[in-house]
N, C-alpha and C. Protein backbone atom coordinates (compact mmCIF):
# COMPACT_ATOMS: atom_id res chain seq x y z
N MET A 1 -7.56 26.33 -27.38
CA MET A 1 -7.24 24.93 -27.53
C MET A 1 -5.97 24.59 -26.73
N ILE A 2 -4.95 25.45 -26.83
CA ILE A 2 -3.70 25.20 -26.11
C ILE A 2 -3.94 25.23 -24.61
N ASN A 3 -4.77 26.19 -24.12
CA ASN A 3 -5.05 26.27 -22.70
C ASN A 3 -5.74 25.02 -22.18
N LYS A 4 -6.65 24.45 -22.97
CA LYS A 4 -7.34 23.22 -22.56
C LYS A 4 -6.34 22.06 -22.45
N LYS A 5 -5.42 21.96 -23.42
CA LYS A 5 -4.41 20.90 -23.38
C LYS A 5 -3.50 21.08 -22.18
N LEU A 6 -3.10 22.32 -21.92
CA LEU A 6 -2.23 22.61 -20.78
C LEU A 6 -2.94 22.31 -19.47
N ALA A 7 -4.21 22.68 -19.37
CA ALA A 7 -4.98 22.41 -18.16
C ALA A 7 -5.15 20.90 -17.96
N LYS A 8 -5.37 20.19 -19.05
CA LYS A 8 -5.53 18.73 -18.96
C LYS A 8 -4.23 18.08 -18.50
N LYS A 9 -3.09 18.52 -19.05
CA LYS A 9 -1.80 17.98 -18.63
C LYS A 9 -1.52 18.32 -17.18
N GLY A 10 -1.86 19.54 -16.76
CA GLY A 10 -1.67 19.93 -15.36
C GLY A 10 -2.51 19.12 -14.41
N ALA A 11 -3.75 18.88 -14.80
CA ALA A 11 -4.64 18.06 -13.96
C ALA A 11 -4.13 16.63 -13.87
N THR A 12 -3.63 16.11 -15.00
CA THR A 12 -3.07 14.75 -15.00
C THR A 12 -1.85 14.67 -14.10
N LEU A 13 -0.98 15.65 -14.17
CA LEU A 13 0.21 15.68 -13.31
C LEU A 13 -0.18 15.78 -11.84
N ALA A 14 -1.14 16.64 -11.52
CA ALA A 14 -1.58 16.79 -10.13
C ALA A 14 -2.18 15.50 -9.60
N LEU A 15 -2.99 14.82 -10.42
CA LEU A 15 -3.59 13.56 -10.01
C LEU A 15 -2.50 12.50 -9.81
N THR A 16 -1.55 12.45 -10.71
CA THR A 16 -0.45 11.48 -10.58
C THR A 16 0.32 11.71 -9.29
N LEU A 17 0.63 12.96 -8.98
CA LEU A 17 1.34 13.28 -7.75
C LEU A 17 0.52 12.93 -6.52
N ALA A 18 -0.78 13.20 -6.58
CA ALA A 18 -1.65 12.90 -5.43
C ALA A 18 -1.69 11.41 -5.16
N ILE A 19 -1.58 10.61 -6.20
CA ILE A 19 -1.61 9.16 -6.03
C ILE A 19 -0.26 8.63 -5.57
N THR A 20 0.83 9.15 -6.12
CA THR A 20 2.14 8.57 -5.84
C THR A 20 2.82 9.12 -4.61
N VAL A 21 2.60 10.35 -4.23
CA VAL A 21 3.29 10.92 -3.07
C VAL A 21 3.04 10.13 -1.80
N PRO A 22 1.78 9.72 -1.48
CA PRO A 22 1.60 8.91 -0.28
C PRO A 22 2.26 7.53 -0.38
N ALA A 23 2.60 7.11 -1.59
CA ALA A 23 3.20 5.80 -1.78
C ALA A 23 4.71 5.80 -1.55
N VAL A 24 5.29 6.95 -1.20
CA VAL A 24 6.72 7.00 -0.95
C VAL A 24 7.04 6.10 0.24
N THR A 25 7.96 5.20 0.03
CA THR A 25 8.31 4.24 1.07
C THR A 25 9.45 4.77 1.93
N PRO A 26 9.64 4.21 3.12
CA PRO A 26 10.74 4.63 3.97
C PRO A 26 12.10 4.50 3.29
N VAL A 27 12.27 3.45 2.51
CA VAL A 27 13.56 3.24 1.83
C VAL A 27 13.79 4.34 0.80
N VAL A 28 12.75 4.66 0.03
CA VAL A 28 12.87 5.73 -0.96
C VAL A 28 13.14 7.05 -0.27
N ALA A 29 12.41 7.33 0.80
CA ALA A 29 12.61 8.58 1.54
C ALA A 29 14.03 8.67 2.07
N ALA A 30 14.56 7.57 2.58
CA ALA A 30 15.92 7.57 3.12
C ALA A 30 16.95 7.73 2.01
N SER A 31 16.73 7.06 0.88
CA SER A 31 17.73 7.10 -0.19
C SER A 31 17.80 8.47 -0.84
N GLN A 32 16.71 9.22 -0.82
CA GLN A 32 16.72 10.55 -1.41
C GLN A 32 17.61 11.50 -0.61
N GLU A 33 17.71 11.27 0.67
CA GLU A 33 18.53 12.12 1.52
C GLU A 33 19.85 11.45 1.89
N ASN A 34 20.08 10.24 1.35
CA ASN A 34 21.28 9.47 1.65
C ASN A 34 21.44 9.23 3.15
N ILE A 35 20.33 8.89 3.81
CA ILE A 35 20.32 8.63 5.25
C ILE A 35 19.99 7.16 5.45
N LYS A 36 20.67 6.53 6.37
CA LYS A 36 20.43 5.12 6.64
C LYS A 36 19.34 4.94 7.70
N ILE A 37 18.62 3.83 7.58
CA ILE A 37 17.57 3.49 8.53
C ILE A 37 18.19 2.74 9.70
N GLU A 38 17.87 3.19 10.92
CA GLU A 38 18.36 2.53 12.13
C GLU A 38 17.42 1.42 12.57
N SER A 39 16.10 1.71 12.57
CA SER A 39 15.14 0.71 13.02
C SER A 39 13.76 1.01 12.45
N VAL A 40 12.91 -0.02 12.48
CA VAL A 40 11.53 0.10 12.04
C VAL A 40 10.65 -0.52 13.11
N ARG A 41 9.61 0.20 13.53
CA ARG A 41 8.70 -0.30 14.56
C ARG A 41 7.28 -0.36 13.98
N PHE A 42 6.66 -1.51 14.11
CA PHE A 42 5.29 -1.70 13.66
C PHE A 42 4.33 -1.21 14.72
N ASN A 43 3.35 -0.40 14.32
CA ASN A 43 2.30 0.09 15.21
C ASN A 43 0.99 -0.55 14.76
N GLY A 44 0.50 -1.48 15.54
CA GLY A 44 -0.73 -2.19 15.19
C GLY A 44 -1.94 -1.28 15.24
N MET A 45 -3.09 -1.88 15.08
CA MET A 45 -4.34 -1.12 15.11
C MET A 45 -5.34 -1.86 15.99
N ALA A 46 -6.31 -1.13 16.44
CA ALA A 46 -7.38 -1.73 17.25
C ALA A 46 -8.22 -2.66 16.37
N ALA A 47 -8.75 -3.69 16.97
CA ALA A 47 -9.65 -4.60 16.24
C ALA A 47 -10.91 -3.84 15.83
N PRO A 48 -11.49 -4.21 14.71
CA PRO A 48 -12.73 -3.56 14.27
C PRO A 48 -13.84 -3.71 15.32
N THR A 49 -14.63 -2.67 15.49
CA THR A 49 -15.70 -2.70 16.50
C THR A 49 -17.10 -2.56 15.90
N THR A 50 -17.18 -2.11 14.67
CA THR A 50 -18.49 -1.97 14.04
C THR A 50 -18.65 -3.01 12.94
N ILE A 51 -19.88 -3.27 12.55
CA ILE A 51 -20.14 -4.21 11.47
C ILE A 51 -19.48 -3.74 10.18
N ASP A 52 -19.59 -2.44 9.90
CA ASP A 52 -18.97 -1.89 8.68
C ASP A 52 -17.47 -2.16 8.66
N GLU A 53 -16.80 -1.96 9.80
CA GLU A 53 -15.37 -2.22 9.86
C GLU A 53 -15.07 -3.72 9.71
N MET A 54 -15.94 -4.55 10.27
CA MET A 54 -15.71 -5.99 10.25
C MET A 54 -15.84 -6.61 8.85
N VAL A 55 -16.63 -6.00 8.00
CA VAL A 55 -16.86 -6.59 6.67
C VAL A 55 -15.94 -6.04 5.59
N LYS A 56 -15.15 -5.04 5.90
CA LYS A 56 -14.24 -4.53 4.88
C LYS A 56 -12.79 -4.86 5.25
N THR A 57 -11.97 -4.91 4.25
CA THR A 57 -10.56 -5.17 4.46
C THR A 57 -9.84 -3.82 4.47
N TYR A 58 -9.20 -3.52 5.58
CA TYR A 58 -8.54 -2.23 5.72
C TYR A 58 -7.46 -2.33 6.79
N THR A 59 -6.66 -1.30 6.89
CA THR A 59 -5.70 -1.20 7.98
C THR A 59 -5.53 0.25 8.40
N ASN A 60 -5.35 0.45 9.68
CA ASN A 60 -4.97 1.75 10.22
C ASN A 60 -3.58 1.66 10.83
N ALA A 61 -2.92 0.53 10.62
CA ALA A 61 -1.59 0.33 11.18
C ALA A 61 -0.57 1.24 10.49
N THR A 62 0.51 1.50 11.20
CA THR A 62 1.59 2.33 10.67
C THR A 62 2.93 1.71 11.05
N VAL A 63 3.98 2.25 10.48
CA VAL A 63 5.33 1.91 10.92
C VAL A 63 6.06 3.21 11.22
N ASP A 64 6.85 3.18 12.29
CA ASP A 64 7.74 4.30 12.62
C ASP A 64 9.13 3.92 12.14
N VAL A 65 9.69 4.73 11.27
CA VAL A 65 11.04 4.49 10.77
C VAL A 65 11.97 5.48 11.44
N LYS A 66 12.96 4.95 12.15
CA LYS A 66 13.95 5.79 12.82
C LYS A 66 15.23 5.77 11.99
N TYR A 67 15.70 6.95 11.63
CA TYR A 67 16.90 7.08 10.83
C TYR A 67 18.10 7.30 11.75
N ILE A 68 19.30 7.06 11.25
CA ILE A 68 20.48 7.18 12.10
C ILE A 68 20.74 8.62 12.54
N ASN A 69 20.09 9.58 11.88
CA ASN A 69 20.24 10.97 12.30
C ASN A 69 19.28 11.32 13.44
N GLY A 70 18.51 10.31 13.92
CA GLY A 70 17.60 10.53 15.04
C GLY A 70 16.18 10.88 14.66
N LYS A 71 15.94 11.25 13.41
CA LYS A 71 14.57 11.59 12.99
C LYS A 71 13.73 10.33 12.89
N VAL A 72 12.44 10.49 13.23
CA VAL A 72 11.49 9.39 13.13
C VAL A 72 10.34 9.85 12.24
N HIS A 73 10.02 9.03 11.25
CA HIS A 73 8.89 9.32 10.37
C HIS A 73 7.90 8.17 10.47
N THR A 74 6.62 8.51 10.50
CA THR A 74 5.56 7.51 10.55
C THR A 74 4.96 7.36 9.16
N PHE A 75 4.88 6.12 8.71
CA PHE A 75 4.32 5.82 7.40
C PHE A 75 3.08 4.95 7.57
N PRO A 76 1.97 5.31 6.91
CA PRO A 76 0.77 4.47 6.99
C PRO A 76 0.97 3.21 6.16
N LEU A 77 0.43 2.11 6.65
CA LEU A 77 0.44 0.87 5.87
C LEU A 77 -0.83 0.84 5.04
N THR A 78 -0.79 0.11 3.95
CA THR A 78 -1.97 -0.01 3.10
C THR A 78 -2.22 -1.48 2.83
N TYR A 79 -3.43 -1.78 2.44
CA TYR A 79 -3.81 -3.14 2.10
C TYR A 79 -4.01 -3.20 0.61
N ASN A 80 -3.31 -4.12 -0.04
CA ASN A 80 -3.46 -4.32 -1.48
C ASN A 80 -3.99 -5.72 -1.74
N TYR A 81 -5.07 -5.81 -2.50
CA TYR A 81 -5.62 -7.11 -2.85
C TYR A 81 -4.69 -7.80 -3.84
N LEU A 82 -4.33 -9.03 -3.55
CA LEU A 82 -3.57 -9.83 -4.51
C LEU A 82 -4.52 -10.67 -5.35
N PHE A 83 -5.49 -11.27 -4.68
CA PHE A 83 -6.54 -12.01 -5.35
C PHE A 83 -7.64 -12.32 -4.34
N LYS A 84 -8.81 -12.66 -4.85
CA LYS A 84 -9.93 -13.06 -3.99
C LYS A 84 -9.89 -14.56 -3.80
N SER A 85 -10.52 -15.04 -2.76
CA SER A 85 -10.49 -16.48 -2.48
C SER A 85 -11.13 -17.31 -3.58
N GLU A 86 -12.03 -16.72 -4.36
CA GLU A 86 -12.65 -17.48 -5.44
C GLU A 86 -11.92 -17.33 -6.78
N ASP A 87 -10.88 -16.47 -6.84
CA ASP A 87 -10.09 -16.34 -8.07
C ASP A 87 -9.35 -17.64 -8.36
N LYS A 88 -9.36 -18.04 -9.59
CA LYS A 88 -8.68 -19.27 -9.99
C LYS A 88 -7.21 -18.94 -10.22
N VAL A 89 -6.38 -19.41 -9.29
CA VAL A 89 -4.96 -19.03 -9.31
C VAL A 89 -4.01 -20.23 -9.44
N ALA A 90 -4.53 -21.43 -9.30
CA ALA A 90 -3.68 -22.61 -9.36
C ALA A 90 -4.20 -23.57 -10.42
N THR A 91 -3.29 -24.36 -10.96
CA THR A 91 -3.67 -25.38 -11.93
C THR A 91 -3.47 -26.74 -11.30
N VAL A 92 -4.54 -27.54 -11.28
CA VAL A 92 -4.48 -28.89 -10.74
C VAL A 92 -5.00 -29.83 -11.82
N LYS A 93 -4.16 -30.76 -12.23
CA LYS A 93 -4.52 -31.73 -13.27
C LYS A 93 -5.02 -31.02 -14.52
N GLY A 94 -4.36 -29.91 -14.87
CA GLY A 94 -4.70 -29.17 -16.08
C GLY A 94 -5.89 -28.26 -15.97
N GLU A 95 -6.49 -28.15 -14.79
CA GLU A 95 -7.67 -27.30 -14.61
C GLU A 95 -7.38 -26.21 -13.59
N LYS A 96 -7.80 -24.98 -13.89
CA LYS A 96 -7.64 -23.87 -12.95
C LYS A 96 -8.62 -24.03 -11.80
N VAL A 97 -8.12 -23.87 -10.57
CA VAL A 97 -8.97 -24.00 -9.39
C VAL A 97 -8.81 -22.76 -8.51
N PRO A 98 -9.86 -22.42 -7.73
CA PRO A 98 -9.79 -21.26 -6.85
C PRO A 98 -8.75 -21.43 -5.74
N ALA A 99 -8.28 -20.32 -5.25
CA ALA A 99 -7.32 -20.33 -4.13
C ALA A 99 -7.94 -21.03 -2.94
N GLY A 100 -7.16 -21.86 -2.25
CA GLY A 100 -7.63 -22.52 -1.05
C GLY A 100 -8.48 -23.74 -1.28
N THR A 101 -8.61 -24.17 -2.53
CA THR A 101 -9.41 -25.34 -2.83
C THR A 101 -8.67 -26.60 -2.40
N HIS A 102 -9.38 -27.49 -1.76
CA HIS A 102 -8.82 -28.78 -1.37
C HIS A 102 -8.76 -29.64 -2.64
N THR A 103 -7.60 -30.21 -2.95
CA THR A 103 -7.42 -30.88 -4.25
C THR A 103 -7.22 -32.39 -4.15
N HIS A 104 -7.80 -33.08 -3.23
CA HIS A 104 -7.64 -34.54 -3.16
C HIS A 104 -8.71 -35.25 -3.88
C-alpha cells in the first residue's frame, strides 16, 4: 500500500515537472542566476502551408534572450486561448453578448 502511494506521488511530481519546466520564462531563468537581460529578439515563423496548419491555432515562433554575461537562450512561444469568438464576454444593456458582436 505504501509503495503504491509513493509511486502515485512520484508520478504526480514527475508530471507536474514535465508541465512546468517548459513554462520557465526568461525572467524567471535570469532571476534564478541573478543575471540581467540585455535584449530580447523575436523569431517569427513561416506562414502555414498545409490545410491542417491553416485550421489550427499554433506557433513555432521563439524568442532569443541575450543576458549581460553574453549567453543567449532560445525560448519557444506558446499560444494560450483566452476565449473563443462565440464566448459571451461582454454585457450590453444587461445581456451577455459574444466577443466581436456589433452592438448598435
